[in-house]
Amino acid sequence: MTDLTNLAVGDIVAERTVHLTRESLVRYAGASGDFNPIHYRDDVAAAVGLPGVLAHGMLTMGLAVGTIEPWIGDTGRIQEYGVRFTKPVVVDAETGADVTVVAKVGAVDEDSARIDLTVSYDGATVLVKAQVRVRTS
């Protein structure tokens, strides 16, 4: 099991970039049951005023927290997780979209730590207040 007892505020504990494609969105739609056409049809996304086909918010949220899974070793250590959605991830039919996640220690107390996730796409932060509380002992 990963040793989480010597954490310091500011430590980067994990980071990764995930490449999403339209196929990723179709696979997620099948797994989640969310077949809203804004996640796969350009014409529908344009008709409702969106800049393009969007990645599912819960997919983005899941990718973000999944970044710390190898570091914590046991997802049962996650006590709390929350985010606020600020900008969509537009997944281009040809080039897809790269979502980057950096996980940094934001606070440490006696038996837990708050991990702050910076989640960005195309130079913009797409989730704010993305914070995971993990048990350290």
N, C-alpha and C. Protein backbone atom coordinates (compact mmCIF):
# COMPACT_ATOMS: atom_id res chain seq x y z
N MET A 1 0.84 -1.17 0.00
CA MET A 1 0.00 0.00 0.00
C MET A 1 0.89 1.24 0.00
N THR A 2 0.46 2.28 -0.70
CA THR A 2 1.22 3.52 -0.80
C THR A 2 1.28 4.23 0.55
N ASP A 3 2.45 4.74 0.89
CA ASP A 3 2.62 5.50 2.13
C ASP A 3 2.18 6.94 1.89
N LEU A 4 1.13 7.35 2.57
CA LEU A 4 0.61 8.71 2.41
C LEU A 4 0.84 9.55 3.67
N THR A 5 1.77 9.14 4.50
CA THR A 5 1.94 9.82 5.79
C THR A 5 2.91 11.00 5.74
N ASN A 6 3.70 11.14 4.71
CA ASN A 6 4.69 12.23 4.65
C ASN A 6 4.37 13.21 3.54
N LEU A 7 3.14 13.69 3.51
CA LEU A 7 2.72 14.62 2.47
C LEU A 7 2.94 16.06 2.92
N ALA A 8 3.27 16.90 1.96
CA ALA A 8 3.42 18.33 2.23
C ALA A 8 2.56 19.11 1.24
N VAL A 9 1.96 20.18 1.72
CA VAL A 9 1.16 21.04 0.85
C VAL A 9 2.03 21.49 -0.32
N GLY A 10 1.47 21.35 -1.51
CA GLY A 10 2.19 21.73 -2.73
C GLY A 10 2.79 20.55 -3.48
N ASP A 11 2.92 19.40 -2.81
CA ASP A 11 3.45 18.21 -3.50
C ASP A 11 2.55 17.83 -4.67
N ILE A 12 3.13 17.61 -5.83
CA ILE A 12 2.38 17.04 -6.96
C ILE A 12 2.48 15.53 -6.81
N VAL A 13 1.32 14.88 -6.68
CA VAL A 13 1.30 13.44 -6.42
C VAL A 13 0.96 12.61 -7.65
N ALA A 14 0.38 13.24 -8.66
CA ALA A 14 0.04 12.52 -9.89
C ALA A 14 -0.27 13.53 -10.98
N GLU A 15 -0.05 13.11 -12.21
CA GLU A 15 -0.47 13.92 -13.36
C GLU A 15 -0.55 13.03 -14.59
N ARG A 16 -1.43 13.43 -15.48
CA ARG A 16 -1.56 12.69 -16.74
C ARG A 16 -2.37 13.50 -17.73
N THR A 17 -2.25 13.11 -18.99
CA THR A 17 -3.07 13.66 -20.06
C THR A 17 -3.82 12.50 -20.69
N VAL A 18 -5.12 12.68 -20.85
CA VAL A 18 -5.97 11.66 -21.45
C VAL A 18 -6.48 12.19 -22.78
N HIS A 19 -6.29 11.41 -23.82
CA HIS A 19 -6.78 11.79 -25.15
C HIS A 19 -8.18 11.20 -25.34
N LEU A 20 -9.15 12.07 -25.56
CA LEU A 20 -10.52 11.62 -25.83
C LEU A 20 -10.80 11.70 -27.32
N THR A 21 -11.53 10.72 -27.80
CA THR A 21 -11.98 10.71 -29.19
C THR A 21 -13.50 10.57 -29.20
N ARG A 22 -14.08 10.68 -30.36
CA ARG A 22 -15.51 10.45 -30.45
C ARG A 22 -15.84 9.01 -30.07
N GLU A 23 -14.94 8.09 -30.36
CA GLU A 23 -15.14 6.70 -29.93
C GLU A 23 -15.18 6.60 -28.41
N SER A 24 -14.34 7.38 -27.73
CA SER A 24 -14.36 7.40 -26.26
C SER A 24 -15.74 7.80 -25.76
N LEU A 25 -16.35 8.79 -26.42
CA LEU A 25 -17.66 9.27 -26.01
C LEU A 25 -18.74 8.22 -26.24
N VAL A 26 -18.65 7.51 -27.35
CA VAL A 26 -19.61 6.44 -27.64
C VAL A 26 -19.49 5.33 -26.61
N ARG A 27 -18.26 4.97 -26.28
CA ARG A 27 -18.04 3.91 -25.28
C ARG A 27 -18.59 4.35 -23.92
N TYR A 28 -18.34 5.61 -23.54
CA TYR A 28 -18.84 6.10 -22.27
C TYR A 28 -20.37 6.14 -22.28
N ALA A 29 -20.95 6.58 -23.39
CA ALA A 29 -22.42 6.61 -23.48
C ALA A 29 -23.00 5.22 -23.27
N GLY A 30 -22.37 4.22 -23.85
CA GLY A 30 -22.85 2.85 -23.68
C GLY A 30 -22.73 2.38 -22.24
N ALA A 31 -21.64 2.76 -21.58
CA ALA A 31 -21.44 2.33 -20.19
C ALA A 31 -22.36 3.08 -19.23
N SER A 32 -22.60 4.36 -19.51
CA SER A 32 -23.36 5.18 -18.57
C SER A 32 -24.85 5.25 -18.89
N GLY A 33 -25.20 4.96 -20.13
CA GLY A 33 -26.59 5.09 -20.54
C GLY A 33 -26.97 6.51 -20.93
N ASP A 34 -25.99 7.42 -20.98
CA ASP A 34 -26.25 8.81 -21.35
C ASP A 34 -26.06 8.98 -22.86
N PHE A 35 -27.15 8.86 -23.59
CA PHE A 35 -27.11 8.95 -25.04
C PHE A 35 -27.61 10.30 -25.55
N ASN A 36 -27.44 11.35 -24.76
CA ASN A 36 -27.81 12.68 -25.21
C ASN A 36 -27.02 12.97 -26.49
N PRO A 37 -27.69 13.37 -27.59
CA PRO A 37 -26.99 13.56 -28.86
C PRO A 37 -25.96 14.69 -28.88
N ILE A 38 -25.93 15.54 -27.85
CA ILE A 38 -24.87 16.57 -27.83
C ILE A 38 -23.50 15.94 -27.63
N HIS A 39 -23.49 14.65 -27.26
CA HIS A 39 -22.23 13.95 -27.04
C HIS A 39 -21.77 13.16 -28.26
N TYR A 40 -22.52 13.23 -29.36
CA TYR A 40 -22.06 12.52 -30.55
C TYR A 40 -22.51 13.12 -31.88
N ARG A 41 -23.42 14.09 -31.87
CA ARG A 41 -23.91 14.66 -33.14
C ARG A 41 -23.61 16.16 -33.21
N ASP A 42 -22.79 16.52 -34.21
CA ASP A 42 -22.43 17.92 -34.39
C ASP A 42 -23.65 18.79 -34.67
N ASP A 43 -24.58 18.30 -35.47
CA ASP A 43 -25.75 19.12 -35.82
C ASP A 43 -26.61 19.44 -34.60
N VAL A 44 -26.78 18.49 -33.72
CA VAL A 44 -27.58 18.72 -32.51
C VAL A 44 -26.84 19.68 -31.57
N ALA A 45 -25.54 19.48 -31.41
CA ALA A 45 -24.76 20.38 -30.56
C ALA A 45 -24.85 21.82 -31.09
N ALA A 46 -24.72 22.00 -32.40
CA ALA A 46 -24.80 23.34 -32.99
C ALA A 46 -26.20 23.93 -32.83
N ALA A 47 -27.23 23.10 -32.99
CA ALA A 47 -28.61 23.57 -32.90
C ALA A 47 -28.96 24.12 -31.51
N VAL A 48 -28.28 23.62 -30.47
CA VAL A 48 -28.56 24.11 -29.11
C VAL A 48 -27.51 25.13 -28.66
N GLY A 49 -26.69 25.60 -29.60
CA GLY A 49 -25.75 26.67 -29.31
C GLY A 49 -24.42 26.26 -28.70
N LEU A 50 -24.08 25.00 -28.79
CA LEU A 50 -22.81 24.52 -28.24
C LEU A 50 -21.70 24.67 -29.28
N PRO A 51 -20.45 24.80 -28.84
CA PRO A 51 -19.34 24.97 -29.77
C PRO A 51 -18.95 23.68 -30.51
N GLY A 52 -19.56 22.56 -30.16
CA GLY A 52 -19.28 21.28 -30.79
C GLY A 52 -19.75 20.16 -29.90
N VAL A 53 -19.44 18.95 -30.28
CA VAL A 53 -19.79 17.77 -29.49
C VAL A 53 -18.99 17.81 -28.19
N LEU A 54 -19.69 17.61 -27.08
CA LEU A 54 -19.06 17.72 -25.76
C LEU A 54 -18.82 16.37 -25.12
N ALA A 55 -17.71 16.27 -24.41
CA ALA A 55 -17.49 15.10 -23.56
C ALA A 55 -18.50 15.17 -22.41
N HIS A 56 -18.94 14.03 -21.96
CA HIS A 56 -19.84 13.95 -20.81
C HIS A 56 -19.14 14.56 -19.59
N GLY A 57 -19.86 15.34 -18.81
CA GLY A 57 -19.28 15.92 -17.61
C GLY A 57 -18.80 14.86 -16.64
N MET A 58 -19.59 13.80 -16.48
CA MET A 58 -19.20 12.74 -15.55
C MET A 58 -17.98 11.97 -16.06
N LEU A 59 -17.80 11.91 -17.37
CA LEU A 59 -16.60 11.28 -17.92
C LEU A 59 -15.38 12.12 -17.53
N THR A 60 -15.47 13.42 -17.71
CA THR A 60 -14.37 14.31 -17.35
C THR A 60 -14.07 14.21 -15.85
N MET A 61 -15.12 14.20 -15.06
CA MET A 61 -14.96 14.09 -13.61
C MET A 61 -14.30 12.76 -13.22
N GLY A 62 -14.71 11.69 -13.86
CA GLY A 62 -14.13 10.37 -13.58
C GLY A 62 -12.68 10.27 -13.99
N LEU A 63 -12.35 10.84 -15.16
CA LEU A 63 -10.95 10.84 -15.60
C LEU A 63 -10.08 11.61 -14.62
N ALA A 64 -10.62 12.71 -14.11
CA ALA A 64 -9.85 13.54 -13.18
C ALA A 64 -9.50 12.76 -11.92
N VAL A 65 -10.49 12.20 -11.26
CA VAL A 65 -10.21 11.49 -10.00
C VAL A 65 -9.42 10.20 -10.25
N GLY A 66 -9.60 9.60 -11.42
CA GLY A 66 -8.85 8.39 -11.75
C GLY A 66 -7.36 8.63 -11.83
N THR A 67 -6.96 9.87 -11.98
CA THR A 67 -5.54 10.21 -12.05
C THR A 67 -4.81 9.84 -10.77
N ILE A 68 -5.49 9.93 -9.62
CA ILE A 68 -4.80 9.63 -8.36
C ILE A 68 -4.87 8.15 -7.97
N GLU A 69 -5.62 7.36 -8.71
CA GLU A 69 -5.79 5.95 -8.35
C GLU A 69 -4.46 5.20 -8.21
N PRO A 70 -3.54 5.29 -9.17
CA PRO A 70 -2.27 4.57 -8.98
C PRO A 70 -1.48 5.07 -7.78
N TRP A 71 -1.59 6.34 -7.46
CA TRP A 71 -0.85 6.90 -6.33
C TRP A 71 -1.42 6.43 -5.00
N ILE A 72 -2.75 6.46 -4.83
CA ILE A 72 -3.31 6.06 -3.53
C ILE A 72 -3.36 4.55 -3.36
N GLY A 73 -3.37 3.82 -4.48
CA GLY A 73 -3.32 2.37 -4.40
C GLY A 73 -4.62 1.68 -4.06
N ASP A 74 -5.49 2.35 -3.35
CA ASP A 74 -6.75 1.75 -2.90
C ASP A 74 -7.81 2.84 -2.97
N THR A 75 -8.75 2.70 -3.90
CA THR A 75 -9.78 3.74 -4.05
C THR A 75 -10.68 3.82 -2.83
N GLY A 76 -10.62 2.85 -1.94
CA GLY A 76 -11.36 2.91 -0.69
C GLY A 76 -10.86 4.00 0.23
N ARG A 77 -9.70 4.57 -0.09
CA ARG A 77 -9.17 5.69 0.69
C ARG A 77 -9.87 7.01 0.37
N ILE A 78 -10.59 7.05 -0.73
CA ILE A 78 -11.29 8.28 -1.09
C ILE A 78 -12.49 8.45 -0.18
N GLN A 79 -12.51 9.57 0.53
CA GLN A 79 -13.59 9.86 1.47
C GLN A 79 -14.63 10.80 0.88
N GLU A 80 -14.20 11.67 0.00
CA GLU A 80 -15.08 12.70 -0.54
C GLU A 80 -14.49 13.21 -1.85
N TYR A 81 -15.36 13.57 -2.79
CA TYR A 81 -14.90 14.11 -4.07
C TYR A 81 -15.97 15.04 -4.60
N GLY A 82 -15.55 16.20 -5.04
CA GLY A 82 -16.50 17.14 -5.61
C GLY A 82 -15.82 18.06 -6.61
N VAL A 83 -16.60 18.56 -7.55
CA VAL A 83 -16.11 19.49 -8.57
C VAL A 83 -17.22 20.48 -8.91
N ARG A 84 -16.81 21.55 -9.59
CA ARG A 84 -17.75 22.43 -10.25
C ARG A 84 -17.34 22.48 -11.71
N PHE A 85 -18.31 22.32 -12.58
CA PHE A 85 -18.05 22.35 -14.02
C PHE A 85 -18.05 23.80 -14.49
N THR A 86 -17.01 24.20 -15.23
CA THR A 86 -16.93 25.58 -15.69
C THR A 86 -16.92 25.74 -17.19
N LYS A 87 -16.25 24.85 -17.89
CA LYS A 87 -16.17 24.92 -19.35
C LYS A 87 -16.30 23.51 -19.91
N PRO A 88 -16.88 23.40 -21.09
CA PRO A 88 -17.01 22.07 -21.68
C PRO A 88 -15.72 21.61 -22.36
N VAL A 89 -15.61 20.31 -22.51
CA VAL A 89 -14.53 19.71 -23.29
C VAL A 89 -15.14 19.37 -24.65
N VAL A 90 -14.71 20.09 -25.68
CA VAL A 90 -15.21 19.88 -27.04
C VAL A 90 -14.32 18.83 -27.70
N VAL A 91 -14.95 17.75 -28.16
CA VAL A 91 -14.19 16.65 -28.76
C VAL A 91 -14.37 16.70 -30.27
N ASP A 92 -13.32 17.16 -30.95
CA ASP A 92 -13.33 17.30 -32.41
C ASP A 92 -13.38 15.92 -33.07
N ALA A 93 -14.13 15.82 -34.15
CA ALA A 93 -14.28 14.54 -34.85
C ALA A 93 -12.95 14.03 -35.39
N GLU A 94 -12.06 14.91 -35.78
CA GLU A 94 -10.78 14.50 -36.37
C GLU A 94 -9.65 14.41 -35.33
N THR A 95 -9.53 15.44 -34.50
CA THR A 95 -8.36 15.53 -33.62
C THR A 95 -8.64 15.13 -32.17
N GLY A 96 -9.90 14.96 -31.81
CA GLY A 96 -10.23 14.60 -30.43
C GLY A 96 -9.97 15.75 -29.48
N ALA A 97 -9.64 15.44 -28.25
CA ALA A 97 -9.36 16.45 -27.23
C ALA A 97 -8.45 15.84 -26.17
N ASP A 98 -7.51 16.63 -25.71
CA ASP A 98 -6.61 16.20 -24.63
C ASP A 98 -7.01 16.89 -23.34
N VAL A 99 -7.28 16.10 -22.31
CA VAL A 99 -7.62 16.61 -20.99
C VAL A 99 -6.42 16.33 -20.08
N THR A 100 -5.90 17.38 -19.46
CA THR A 100 -4.73 17.26 -18.59
C THR A 100 -5.16 17.43 -17.14
N VAL A 101 -4.63 16.56 -16.29
CA VAL A 101 -4.96 16.59 -14.86
C VAL A 101 -3.65 16.62 -14.06
N VAL A 102 -3.58 17.57 -13.13
CA VAL A 102 -2.46 17.63 -12.19
C VAL A 102 -3.07 17.56 -10.80
N ALA A 103 -2.57 16.62 -10.00
CA ALA A 103 -3.07 16.40 -8.63
C ALA A 103 -2.01 16.88 -7.65
N LYS A 104 -2.41 17.84 -6.81
CA LYS A 104 -1.47 18.47 -5.88
C LYS A 104 -2.07 18.46 -4.48
N VAL A 105 -1.23 18.24 -3.48
CA VAL A 105 -1.68 18.27 -2.09
C VAL A 105 -2.06 19.71 -1.74
N GLY A 106 -3.34 19.88 -1.32
CA GLY A 106 -3.83 21.20 -0.97
C GLY A 106 -3.87 21.46 0.52
N ALA A 107 -4.04 20.39 1.28
CA ALA A 107 -4.09 20.50 2.74
C ALA A 107 -3.86 19.12 3.34
N VAL A 108 -3.28 19.11 4.54
CA VAL A 108 -3.02 17.86 5.25
C VAL A 108 -3.46 18.04 6.69
N ASP A 109 -4.18 17.05 7.22
CA ASP A 109 -4.48 17.07 8.65
C ASP A 109 -4.07 15.73 9.25
N GLU A 110 -4.56 15.44 10.41
CA GLU A 110 -4.09 14.27 11.16
C GLU A 110 -4.24 12.94 10.43
N ASP A 111 -5.36 12.72 9.78
CA ASP A 111 -5.59 11.41 9.15
C ASP A 111 -6.10 11.48 7.72
N SER A 112 -6.03 12.67 7.11
CA SER A 112 -6.48 12.78 5.72
C SER A 112 -5.75 13.92 5.03
N ALA A 113 -5.91 13.95 3.72
CA ALA A 113 -5.33 15.03 2.92
C ALA A 113 -6.33 15.44 1.87
N ARG A 114 -6.29 16.72 1.53
CA ARG A 114 -7.11 17.22 0.43
C ARG A 114 -6.21 17.32 -0.79
N ILE A 115 -6.62 16.65 -1.85
CA ILE A 115 -5.87 16.70 -3.09
C ILE A 115 -6.65 17.59 -4.05
N ASP A 116 -5.99 18.63 -4.53
CA ASP A 116 -6.61 19.56 -5.47
C ASP A 116 -6.25 19.13 -6.89
N LEU A 117 -7.26 18.99 -7.72
CA LEU A 117 -7.06 18.57 -9.10
C LEU A 117 -7.20 19.78 -10.02
N THR A 118 -6.20 20.02 -10.82
CA THR A 118 -6.30 21.04 -11.87
C THR A 118 -6.59 20.29 -13.16
N VAL A 119 -7.76 20.55 -13.72
CA VAL A 119 -8.22 19.81 -14.90
C VAL A 119 -8.39 20.82 -16.03
N SER A 120 -7.62 20.61 -17.11
CA SER A 120 -7.66 21.59 -18.19
C SER A 120 -7.76 20.93 -19.55
N TYR A 121 -8.28 21.73 -20.46
CA TYR A 121 -8.42 21.31 -21.86
C TYR A 121 -8.20 22.56 -22.71
N ASP A 122 -7.36 22.46 -23.69
CA ASP A 122 -7.12 23.55 -24.63
C ASP A 122 -6.74 24.85 -23.90
N GLY A 123 -5.94 24.73 -22.85
CA GLY A 123 -5.46 25.88 -22.13
C GLY A 123 -6.43 26.49 -21.12
N ALA A 124 -7.61 25.90 -20.98
CA ALA A 124 -8.61 26.44 -20.05
C ALA A 124 -8.92 25.42 -18.96
N THR A 125 -9.18 25.90 -17.77
CA THR A 125 -9.60 25.03 -16.68
C THR A 125 -11.06 24.65 -16.89
N VAL A 126 -11.34 23.34 -16.86
CA VAL A 126 -12.71 22.88 -17.14
C VAL A 126 -13.46 22.44 -15.88
N LEU A 127 -12.74 22.16 -14.81
CA LEU A 127 -13.34 21.86 -13.52
C LEU A 127 -12.68 22.76 -12.49
N VAL A 128 -13.47 23.38 -11.63
CA VAL A 128 -12.89 24.15 -10.53
C VAL A 128 -13.35 23.53 -9.22
N LYS A 129 -12.62 23.88 -8.16
CA LYS A 129 -12.90 23.27 -6.85
C LYS A 129 -12.94 21.76 -6.96
N ALA A 130 -12.11 21.21 -7.83
CA ALA A 130 -12.00 19.76 -7.97
C ALA A 130 -11.11 19.28 -6.85
N GLN A 131 -11.73 18.72 -5.81
CA GLN A 131 -11.00 18.34 -4.62
C GLN A 131 -11.39 16.94 -4.18
N VAL A 132 -10.38 16.18 -3.79
CA VAL A 132 -10.57 14.82 -3.30
C VAL A 132 -10.01 14.74 -1.89
N ARG A 133 -10.81 14.27 -0.97
CA ARG A 133 -10.33 14.04 0.40
C ARG A 133 -9.96 12.57 0.47
N VAL A 134 -8.71 12.27 0.85
CA VAL A 134 -8.24 10.89 0.96
C VAL A 134 -7.76 10.60 2.38
N ARG A 135 -8.04 9.40 2.80
CA ARG A 135 -7.57 8.92 4.11
C ARG A 135 -6.09 8.59 3.98
N THR A 136 -5.28 9.10 4.90
CA THR A 136 -3.84 8.88 4.82
C THR A 136 -3.33 7.79 5.74
N SER A 137 -4.16 7.33 6.67
CA SER A 137 -3.70 6.29 7.59
C SER A 137 -4.51 5.03 7.43
